[in-house]
C-alpha atoms as a PDB file:
ATOM      1  CA  MET A   1      28.716 -50.182   0.012  1.00  0.00           C
ATOM      2  CA  GLU A   2      30.709 -47.934   2.329  1.00  0.00           C
ATOM      3  CA  ILE A   3      30.160 -47.459   6.059  1.00  0.00           C
ATOM      4  CA  LYS A   4      28.833 -43.955   5.452  1.00  0.00           C
ATOM      5  CA  GLU A   5      26.196 -45.272   3.115  1.00  0.00           C
ATOM      6  CA  ILE A   6      25.138 -47.928   5.568  1.00  0.00           C
ATOM      7  CA  LEU A   7      24.813 -45.363   8.379  1.00  0.00           C
ATOM      8  CA  ARG A   8      22.862 -43.038   6.181  1.00  0.00           C
ATOM      9  CA  ASN A   9      20.484 -45.740   5.115  1.00  0.00           C
ATOM     10  CA  LEU A  10      19.883 -46.890   8.719  1.00  0.00           C
ATOM     11  CA  ARG A  11      19.427 -43.360   9.915  1.00  0.00           C
ATOM     12  CA  THR A  12      16.846 -42.551   7.255  1.00  0.00           C
ATOM     13  CA  GLN A  13      15.026 -45.862   7.728  1.00  0.00           C
ATOM     14  CA  LYS A  14      14.594 -45.018  11.386  1.00  0.00           C
ATOM     15  CA  GLY A  15      13.442 -41.528  10.471  1.00  0.00           C
ATOM     16  CA  TYR A  16      16.226 -39.717  12.330  1.00  0.00           C
ATOM     17  CA  SER A  17      17.598 -36.394  11.202  1.00  0.00           C
ATOM     18  CA  GLN A  18      21.300 -35.833  11.531  1.00  0.00           C
ATOM     19  CA  GLU A  19      20.548 -33.609  14.554  1.00  0.00           C
ATOM     20  CA  GLU A  20      18.502 -36.320  16.282  1.00  0.00           C
ATOM     21  CA  LEU A  21      21.096 -38.994  15.759  1.00  0.00           C
ATOM     22  CA  ALA A  22      23.828 -36.625  16.998  1.00  0.00           C
ATOM     23  CA  GLU A  23      21.876 -36.053  20.212  1.00  0.00           C
ATOM     24  CA  LYS A  24      21.408 -39.776  20.765  1.00  0.00           C
ATOM     25  CA  LEU A  25      25.140 -40.430  20.225  1.00  0.00           C
ATOM     26  CA  PHE A  26      26.278 -37.373  22.194  1.00  0.00           C
ATOM     27  CA  VAL A  27      28.162 -35.903  19.294  1.00  0.00           C
ATOM     28  CA  THR A  28      27.678 -32.780  17.161  1.00  0.00           C
ATOM     29  CA  ARG A  29      25.549 -32.656  14.036  1.00  0.00           C
ATOM     30  CA  GLN A  30      28.721 -31.742  12.149  1.00  0.00           C
ATOM     31  CA  ALA A  31      30.350 -35.010  13.288  1.00  0.00           C
ATOM     32  CA  VAL A  32      27.355 -36.966  11.947  1.00  0.00           C
ATOM     33  CA  SER A  33      27.397 -35.107   8.693  1.00  0.00           C
ATOM     34  CA  ARG A  34      31.075 -36.158   8.150  1.00  0.00           C
ATOM     35  CA  TRP A  35      30.114 -39.826   8.443  1.00  0.00           C
END
């Protein structure tokens, strides 16, 4: 399992959209989508 898959699984388990996660991490949504 790659890091991007782990991050995606954790994000969806917590119910965060890419936009919500980006706001919490102070990065752009585009940055999150590249992970």
